[in-house]
PDB file of all heavy atoms in Angstrom:
ATOM      1  N   TRP A   1      -7.968   7.338 -12.897  1.00  0.00           N
ATOM      2  CA  TRP A   1      -6.774   6.937 -11.939  1.00  0.00           C
ATOM      3  C   TRP A   1      -5.563   7.756 -12.350  1.00  0.00           C
ATOM      4  O   TRP A   1      -5.240   8.001 -13.548  1.00  0.00           O
ATOM      5  CB  TRP A   1      -6.476   5.383 -12.096  1.00  0.00           C
ATOM      6  CG  TRP A   1      -7.661   4.534 -11.850  1.00  0.00           C
ATOM      7  CD1 TRP A   1      -8.434   3.957 -12.811  1.00  0.00           C
ATOM      8  CD2 TRP A   1      -8.535   4.467 -10.583  1.00  0.00           C
ATOM      9  NE1 TRP A   1      -9.528   3.303 -12.272  1.00  0.00           N
ATOM     10  CE2 TRP A   1      -9.517   3.470 -10.730  1.00  0.00           C
ATOM     11  CE3 TRP A   1      -8.136   4.746  -9.208  1.00  0.00           C
ATOM     12  CZ2 TRP A   1     -10.377   3.162  -9.857  1.00  0.00           C
ATOM     13  CZ3 TRP A   1      -8.890   4.384  -8.242  1.00  0.00           C
ATOM     14  CH2 TRP A   1     -10.172   3.454  -8.467  1.00  0.00           C
ATOM     15  N   ASN A   2      -4.561   7.864 -11.313  1.00  0.00           N
ATOM     16  CA  ASN A   2      -3.271   8.423 -11.539  1.00  0.00           C
ATOM     17  C   ASN A   2      -2.367   7.384 -11.053  1.00  0.00           C
ATOM     18  O   ASN A   2      -2.522   6.705 -10.013  1.00  0.00           O
ATOM     19  CB  ASN A   2      -3.107   9.691 -10.707  1.00  0.00           C
ATOM     20  CG  ASN A   2      -3.512  10.973 -11.325  1.00  0.00           C
ATOM     21  OD1 ASN A   2      -3.508  11.024 -12.625  1.00  0.00           O
ATOM     22  ND2 ASN A   2      -3.665  12.076 -10.633  1.00  0.00           N
ATOM     23  N   PHE A   3      -1.305   7.149 -11.830  1.00  0.00           N
ATOM     24  CA  PHE A   3      -0.281   6.141 -11.437  1.00  0.00           C
ATOM     25  C   PHE A   3       0.948   6.915 -10.881  1.00  0.00           C
ATOM     26  O   PHE A   3       1.473   7.740 -11.768  1.00  0.00           O
ATOM     27  CB  PHE A   3       0.011   5.335 -12.734  1.00  0.00           C
ATOM     28  CG  PHE A   3      -1.053   4.598 -13.189  1.00  0.00           C
ATOM     29  CD1 PHE A   3      -2.050   5.095 -13.953  1.00  0.00           C
ATOM     30  CD2 PHE A   3      -1.109   3.177 -12.994  1.00  0.00           C
ATOM     31  CE1 PHE A   3      -3.100   4.320 -14.358  1.00  0.00           C
ATOM     32  CE2 PHE A   3      -2.213   2.441 -13.437  1.00  0.00           C
ATOM     33  CZ  PHE A   3      -3.181   3.007 -14.162  1.00  0.00           C
ATOM     34  N   THR A   4       1.341   6.812  -9.800  1.00  0.00           N
ATOM     35  CA  THR A   4       2.406   7.419  -9.172  1.00  0.00           C
ATOM     36  C   THR A   4       3.452   6.602  -8.527  1.00  0.00           C
ATOM     37  O   THR A   4       3.206   5.464  -8.232  1.00  0.00           O
ATOM     38  CB  THR A   4       1.899   8.391  -8.051  1.00  0.00           C
ATOM     39  OG1 THR A   4       1.255   7.591  -6.987  1.00  0.00           O
ATOM     40  CG2 THR A   4       0.759   9.457  -8.543  1.00  0.00           C
ATOM     41  N   THR A   5       4.703   7.277  -8.382  1.00  0.00           N
ATOM     42  CA  THR A   5       5.775   6.488  -7.717  1.00  0.00           C
ATOM     43  C   THR A   5       6.349   7.372  -6.669  1.00  0.00           C
ATOM     44  O   THR A   5       6.542   8.645  -6.883  1.00  0.00           O
ATOM     45  CB  THR A   5       6.841   6.191  -8.841  1.00  0.00           C
ATOM     46  OG1 THR A   5       6.164   5.457  -9.893  1.00  0.00           O
ATOM     47  CG2 THR A   5       7.947   5.324  -8.246  1.00  0.00           C
ATOM     48  N   GLU A   6       6.706   6.732  -5.523  1.00  0.00           N
ATOM     49  CA  GLU A   6       7.357   7.483  -4.556  1.00  0.00           C
ATOM     50  C   GLU A   6       8.397   6.530  -3.710  1.00  0.00           C
ATOM     51  O   GLU A   6       8.160   5.319  -3.837  1.00  0.00           O
ATOM     52  CB  GLU A   6       6.447   8.185  -3.446  1.00  0.00           C
ATOM     53  CG  GLU A   6       5.493   7.154  -2.691  1.00  0.00           C
ATOM     54  CD  GLU A   6       4.620   7.736  -1.791  1.00  0.00           C
ATOM     55  OE1 GLU A   6       4.016   8.821  -2.018  1.00  0.00           O
ATOM     56  OE2 GLU A   6       4.376   7.298  -0.677  1.00  0.00           O
ATOM     57  N   PRO A   7       9.440   7.102  -3.146  1.00  0.00           N
ATOM     58  CA  PRO A   7      10.312   6.295  -2.398  1.00  0.00           C
ATOM     59  C   PRO A   7       9.606   5.575  -1.250  1.00  0.00           C
ATOM     60  O   PRO A   7       8.714   6.070  -0.638  1.00  0.00           O
ATOM     61  CB  PRO A   7      11.445   7.204  -1.993  1.00  0.00           C
ATOM     62  CG  PRO A   7      10.851   8.623  -2.042  1.00  0.00           C
ATOM     63  CD  PRO A   7       9.847   8.575  -3.082  1.00  0.00           C
ATOM     64  N   VAL A   8      10.239   4.402  -0.781  1.00  0.00           N
ATOM     65  CA  VAL A   8       9.691   3.646   0.377  1.00  0.00           C
ATOM     66  C   VAL A   8      10.621   4.246   1.586  1.00  0.00           C
ATOM     67  O   VAL A   8      11.784   4.376   1.471  1.00  0.00           O
ATOM     68  CB  VAL A   8       9.891   2.244   0.033  1.00  0.00           C
ATOM     69  CG1 VAL A   8       9.415   1.360   1.351  1.00  0.00           C
ATOM     70  CG2 VAL A   8       9.085   1.775  -1.092  1.00  0.00           C
ATOM     71  N   ALA A   9       9.789   4.333   2.547  1.00  0.00           N
ATOM     72  CA  ALA A   9      10.457   4.873   3.812  1.00  0.00           C
ATOM     73  C   ALA A   9      10.545   3.763   4.884  1.00  0.00           C
ATOM     74  O   ALA A   9       9.641   2.828   4.927  1.00  0.00           O
ATOM     75  CB  ALA A   9       9.738   6.048   4.357  1.00  0.00           C
ATOM     76  N   GLU A  10      11.491   3.779   5.741  1.00  0.00           N
ATOM     77  CA  GLU A  10      11.531   2.964   6.953  1.00  0.00           C
ATOM     78  C   GLU A  10      10.403   3.251   7.889  1.00  0.00           C
ATOM     79  O   GLU A  10      10.130   4.388   8.122  1.00  0.00           O
ATOM     80  CB  GLU A  10      12.841   3.188   7.628  1.00  0.00           C
ATOM     81  CG  GLU A  10      14.184   2.751   6.802  1.00  0.00           C
ATOM     82  CD  GLU A  10      14.500   1.281   7.020  1.00  0.00           C
ATOM     83  OE1 GLU A  10      13.808   0.522   7.540  1.00  0.00           O
ATOM     84  OE2 GLU A  10      15.499   0.879   6.447  1.00  0.00           O
ATOM     85  N   PRO A  11       9.899   2.151   8.684  1.00  0.00           N
ATOM     86  CA  PRO A  11       8.978   2.469   9.634  1.00  0.00           C
ATOM     87  C   PRO A  11       9.412   3.177  10.941  1.00  0.00           C
ATOM     88  O   PRO A  11      10.593   2.774  11.286  1.00  0.00           O
ATOM     89  CB  PRO A  11       8.470   1.152  10.005  1.00  0.00           C
ATOM     90  CG  PRO A  11       9.606   0.117   9.571  1.00  0.00           C
ATOM     91  CD  PRO A  11      10.196   0.849   8.404  1.00  0.00           C
ATOM     92  N   GLY A  12       8.689   4.039  11.461  1.00  0.00           N
ATOM     93  CA  GLY A  12       9.042   4.632  12.730  1.00  0.00           C
ATOM     94  C   GLY A  12       8.714   3.758  13.963  1.00  0.00           C
ATOM     95  O   GLY A  12       8.290   2.637  13.762  1.00  0.00           O
ATOM     96  N   PRO A  13       8.932   4.325  15.125  1.00  0.00           N
ATOM     97  CA  PRO A  13       8.619   3.406  16.337  1.00  0.00           C
ATOM     98  C   PRO A  13       7.174   2.933  16.323  1.00  0.00           C
ATOM     99  O   PRO A  13       6.303   3.676  16.190  1.00  0.00           O
ATOM    100  CB  PRO A  13       8.864   4.375  17.513  1.00  0.00           C
ATOM    101  CG  PRO A  13       9.856   5.359  17.011  1.00  0.00           C
ATOM    102  CD  PRO A  13       9.487   5.624  15.457  1.00  0.00           C
ATOM    103  N   GLY A  14       6.989   1.619  16.469  1.00  0.00           N
ATOM    104  CA  GLY A  14       5.670   0.975  16.415  1.00  0.00           C
ATOM    105  C   GLY A  14       5.072   0.794  15.073  1.00  0.00           C
ATOM    106  O   GLY A  14       4.054   0.206  14.906  1.00  0.00           O
ATOM    107  N   GLY A  15       5.799   1.181  13.968  1.00  0.00           N
ATOM    108  CA  GLY A  15       5.295   1.100  12.656  1.00  0.00           C
ATOM    109  C   GLY A  15       5.718  -0.209  12.033  1.00  0.00           C
ATOM    110  O   GLY A  15       6.648  -0.956  12.450  1.00  0.00           O
ATOM    111  N   VAL A  16       5.111  -0.528  10.938  1.00  0.00           N
ATOM    112  CA  VAL A  16       5.389  -1.711  10.096  1.00  0.00           C
ATOM    113  C   VAL A  16       5.393  -1.412   8.594  1.00  0.00           C
ATOM    114  O   VAL A  16       4.527  -0.597   8.021  1.00  0.00           O
ATOM    115  CB  VAL A  16       4.262  -2.722  10.371  1.00  0.00           C
ATOM    116  CG1 VAL A  16       4.628  -4.146   9.594  1.00  0.00           C
ATOM    117  CG2 VAL A  16       4.178  -3.068  11.807  1.00  0.00           C
ATOM    118  N   LEU A  17       6.283  -1.990   7.905  1.00  0.00           N
ATOM    119  CA  LEU A  17       6.316  -1.847   6.404  1.00  0.00           C
ATOM    120  C   LEU A  17       6.013  -3.150   5.672  1.00  0.00           C
ATOM    121  O   LEU A  17       6.705  -4.263   6.132  1.00  0.00           O
ATOM    122  CB  LEU A  17       7.753  -1.460   5.818  1.00  0.00           C
ATOM    123  CG  LEU A  17       7.838  -1.213   4.466  1.00  0.00           C
ATOM    124  CD1 LEU A  17       7.005  -0.154   3.745  1.00  0.00           C
ATOM    125  CD2 LEU A  17       9.254  -0.988   3.963  1.00  0.00           C
ATOM    126  N   VAL A  18       4.999  -3.257   4.981  1.00  0.00           N
ATOM    127  CA  VAL A  18       4.567  -4.458   4.364  1.00  0.00           C
ATOM    128  C   VAL A  18       4.675  -4.412   2.815  1.00  0.00           C
ATOM    129  O   VAL A  18       4.373  -3.424   2.261  1.00  0.00           O
ATOM    130  CB  VAL A  18       2.968  -4.635   4.661  1.00  0.00           C
ATOM    131  CG1 VAL A  18       2.471  -5.937   4.036  1.00  0.00           C
ATOM    132  CG2 VAL A  18       2.796  -4.616   6.189  1.00  0.00           C
ATOM    133  N   LYS A  19       5.299  -5.482   2.303  1.00  0.00           N
ATOM    134  CA  LYS A  19       5.207  -5.747   0.880  1.00  0.00           C
ATOM    135  C   LYS A  19       3.972  -6.439   0.458  1.00  0.00           C
ATOM    136  O   LYS A  19       3.616  -7.549   0.909  1.00  0.00           O
ATOM    137  CB  LYS A  19       6.380  -6.587   0.379  1.00  0.00           C
ATOM    138  CG  LYS A  19       6.494  -6.903  -1.117  1.00  0.00           C
ATOM    139  CD  LYS A  19       7.610  -7.842  -1.347  1.00  0.00           C
ATOM    140  CE  LYS A  19       7.781  -8.054  -2.930  1.00  0.00           C
ATOM    141  NZ  LYS A  19       8.841  -8.957  -3.193  1.00  0.00           N
ATOM    142  N   THR A  20       3.275  -5.712  -0.527  1.00  0.00           N
ATOM    143  CA  THR A  20       1.853  -6.253  -0.783  1.00  0.00           C
ATOM    144  C   THR A  20       2.105  -7.408  -1.810  1.00  0.00           C
ATOM    145  O   THR A  20       2.825  -7.285  -2.906  1.00  0.00           O
ATOM    146  CB  THR A  20       0.980  -5.053  -1.652  1.00  0.00           C
ATOM    147  OG1 THR A  20       0.991  -3.975  -0.746  1.00  0.00           O
ATOM    148  CG2 THR A  20      -0.346  -5.570  -1.966  1.00  0.00           C
ATOM    149  N   LEU A  21       1.429  -8.420  -1.541  1.00  0.00           N
ATOM    150  CA  LEU A  21       1.514  -9.608  -2.421  1.00  0.00           C
ATOM    151  C   LEU A  21       0.149  -9.699  -3.194  1.00  0.00           C
ATOM    152  O   LEU A  21       0.312  -9.915  -4.470  1.00  0.00           O
ATOM    153  CB  LEU A  21       1.752 -10.979  -1.670  1.00  0.00           C
ATOM    154  CG  LEU A  21       3.146 -10.983  -0.849  1.00  0.00           C
ATOM    155  CD1 LEU A  21       3.145 -12.233   0.028  1.00  0.00           C
ATOM    156  CD2 LEU A  21       4.239 -10.915  -1.749  1.00  0.00           C
ATOM    157  N   TYR A  22      -0.838  -9.714  -2.596  1.00  0.00           N
ATOM    158  CA  TYR A  22      -2.270  -9.900  -3.264  1.00  0.00           C
ATOM    159  C   TYR A  22      -3.157  -8.820  -2.725  1.00  0.00           C
ATOM    160  O   TYR A  22      -3.170  -8.484  -1.474  1.00  0.00           O
ATOM    161  CB  TYR A  22      -2.860 -11.241  -2.971  1.00  0.00           C
ATOM    162  CG  TYR A  22      -2.186 -12.349  -3.509  1.00  0.00           C
ATOM    163  CD1 TYR A  22      -1.205 -13.076  -2.644  1.00  0.00           C
ATOM    164  CD2 TYR A  22      -2.231 -12.840  -4.809  1.00  0.00           C
ATOM    165  CE1 TYR A  22      -0.453 -14.243  -3.145  1.00  0.00           C
ATOM    166  CE2 TYR A  22      -1.456 -13.907  -5.355  1.00  0.00           C
ATOM    167  CZ  TYR A  22      -0.631 -14.469  -4.499  1.00  0.00           C
ATOM    168  OH  TYR A  22       0.037 -15.611  -4.981  1.00  0.00           O
ATOM    169  N   LEU A  23      -4.062  -8.268  -3.606  1.00  0.00           N
ATOM    170  CA  LEU A  23      -5.141  -7.289  -3.163  1.00  0.00           C
ATOM    171  C   LEU A  23      -6.485  -7.920  -3.533  1.00  0.00           C
ATOM    172  O   LEU A  23      -6.680  -8.623  -4.480  1.00  0.00           O
ATOM    173  CB  LEU A  23      -5.008  -6.031  -3.875  1.00  0.00           C
ATOM    174  CG  LEU A  23      -3.616  -5.138  -3.459  1.00  0.00           C
ATOM    175  CD1 LEU A  23      -3.609  -3.939  -4.370  1.00  0.00           C
ATOM    176  CD2 LEU A  23      -3.780  -4.727  -2.109  1.00  0.00           C
ATOM    177  N   SER A  24      -7.384  -7.554  -2.684  1.00  0.00           N
ATOM    178  CA  SER A  24      -8.813  -7.909  -2.785  1.00  0.00           C
ATOM    179  C   SER A  24      -9.502  -6.997  -3.669  1.00  0.00           C
ATOM    180  O   SER A  24      -9.605  -5.850  -3.236  1.00  0.00           O
ATOM    181  CB  SER A  24      -9.457  -8.225  -1.439  1.00  0.00           C
ATOM    182  OG  SER A  24     -10.935  -8.520  -1.655  1.00  0.00           O
ATOM    183  N   LEU A  25     -10.123  -7.381  -4.784  1.00  0.00           N
ATOM    184  CA  LEU A  25     -10.912  -6.442  -5.631  1.00  0.00           C
ATOM    185  C   LEU A  25     -12.446  -6.806  -5.378  1.00  0.00           C
ATOM    186  O   LEU A  25     -12.844  -8.040  -5.503  1.00  0.00           O
ATOM    187  CB  LEU A  25     -10.587  -6.561  -7.135  1.00  0.00           C
ATOM    188  CG  LEU A  25      -9.133  -6.346  -7.413  1.00  0.00           C
ATOM    189  CD1 LEU A  25      -8.993  -6.064  -8.879  1.00  0.00           C
ATOM    190  CD2 LEU A  25      -8.576  -5.053  -6.619  1.00  0.00           C
ATOM    191  N   ASP A  26     -13.220  -5.899  -4.938  1.00  0.00           N
ATOM    192  CA  ASP A  26     -14.606  -6.133  -4.475  1.00  0.00           C
ATOM    193  C   ASP A  26     -15.551  -5.145  -4.998  1.00  0.00           C
ATOM    194  O   ASP A  26     -15.204  -3.883  -5.207  1.00  0.00           O
ATOM    195  CB  ASP A  26     -14.605  -6.041  -2.879  1.00  0.00           C
ATOM    196  CG  ASP A  26     -13.773  -7.059  -2.267  1.00  0.00           C
ATOM    197  OD1 ASP A  26     -13.974  -8.199  -2.365  1.00  0.00           O
ATOM    198  OD2 ASP A  26     -12.752  -6.574  -1.727  1.00  0.00           O
ATOM    199  N   PRO A  27     -16.728  -5.534  -5.255  1.00  0.00           N
ATOM    200  CA  PRO A  27     -17.843  -4.591  -5.830  1.00  0.00           C
ATOM    201  C   PRO A  27     -17.930  -3.343  -4.918  1.00  0.00           C
ATOM    202  O   PRO A  27     -18.284  -2.261  -5.397  1.00  0.00           O
ATOM    203  CB  PRO A  27     -19.060  -5.282  -5.729  1.00  0.00           C
ATOM    204  CG  PRO A  27     -18.703  -6.755  -5.809  1.00  0.00           C
ATOM    205  CD  PRO A  27     -17.291  -6.869  -5.191  1.00  0.00           C
ATOM    206  N   ALA A  28     -17.774  -3.436  -3.628  1.00  0.00           N
ATOM    207  CA  ALA A  28     -17.882  -2.225  -2.702  1.00  0.00           C
ATOM    208  C   ALA A  28     -16.946  -1.219  -3.128  1.00  0.00           C
ATOM    209  O   ALA A  28     -17.308   0.032  -2.808  1.00  0.00           O
ATOM    210  CB  ALA A  28     -17.665  -2.640  -1.291  1.00  0.00           C
ATOM    211  N   MET A  29     -15.921  -1.457  -3.885  1.00  0.00           N
ATOM    212  CA  MET A  29     -14.951  -0.472  -4.155  1.00  0.00           C
ATOM    213  C   MET A  29     -15.589   0.768  -4.991  1.00  0.00           C
ATOM    214  O   MET A  29     -15.174   1.830  -4.992  1.00  0.00           O
ATOM    215  CB  MET A  29     -13.799  -1.015  -4.897  1.00  0.00           C
ATOM    216  CG  MET A  29     -12.880  -1.949  -4.044  1.00  0.00           C
ATOM    217  SD  MET A  29     -11.569  -2.828  -5.042  1.00  0.00           S
ATOM    218  CE  MET A  29     -10.272  -2.000  -4.565  1.00  0.00           C
ATOM    219  N   ARG A  30     -16.580   0.354  -5.889  1.00  0.00           N
ATOM    220  CA  ARG A  30     -17.233   1.335  -6.691  1.00  0.00           C
ATOM    221  C   ARG A  30     -17.889   2.318  -5.955  1.00  0.00           C
ATOM    222  O   ARG A  30     -17.859   3.514  -6.170  1.00  0.00           O
ATOM    223  CB  ARG A  30     -18.217   0.574  -7.665  1.00  0.00           C
ATOM    224  CG  ARG A  30     -18.913   1.485  -8.596  1.00  0.00           C
ATOM    225  CD  ARG A  30     -18.042   2.143  -9.579  1.00  0.00           C
ATOM    226  NE  ARG A  30     -18.681   3.290 -10.337  1.00  0.00           N
ATOM    227  CZ  ARG A  30     -18.944   4.452  -9.875  1.00  0.00           C
ATOM    228  NH1 ARG A  30     -18.574   4.706  -8.672  1.00  0.00           N
ATOM    229  NH2 ARG A  30     -19.471   5.300 -10.634  1.00  0.00           N
TER     230      ARG A  30
END
């Protein structure tokens, strides 16, 4: 894995910006 950081951008027309609260970790990810 690489751990990266980038600035957050405003959404464009029709777009949405979501703050992640919880992520699902699943066997399929492998």
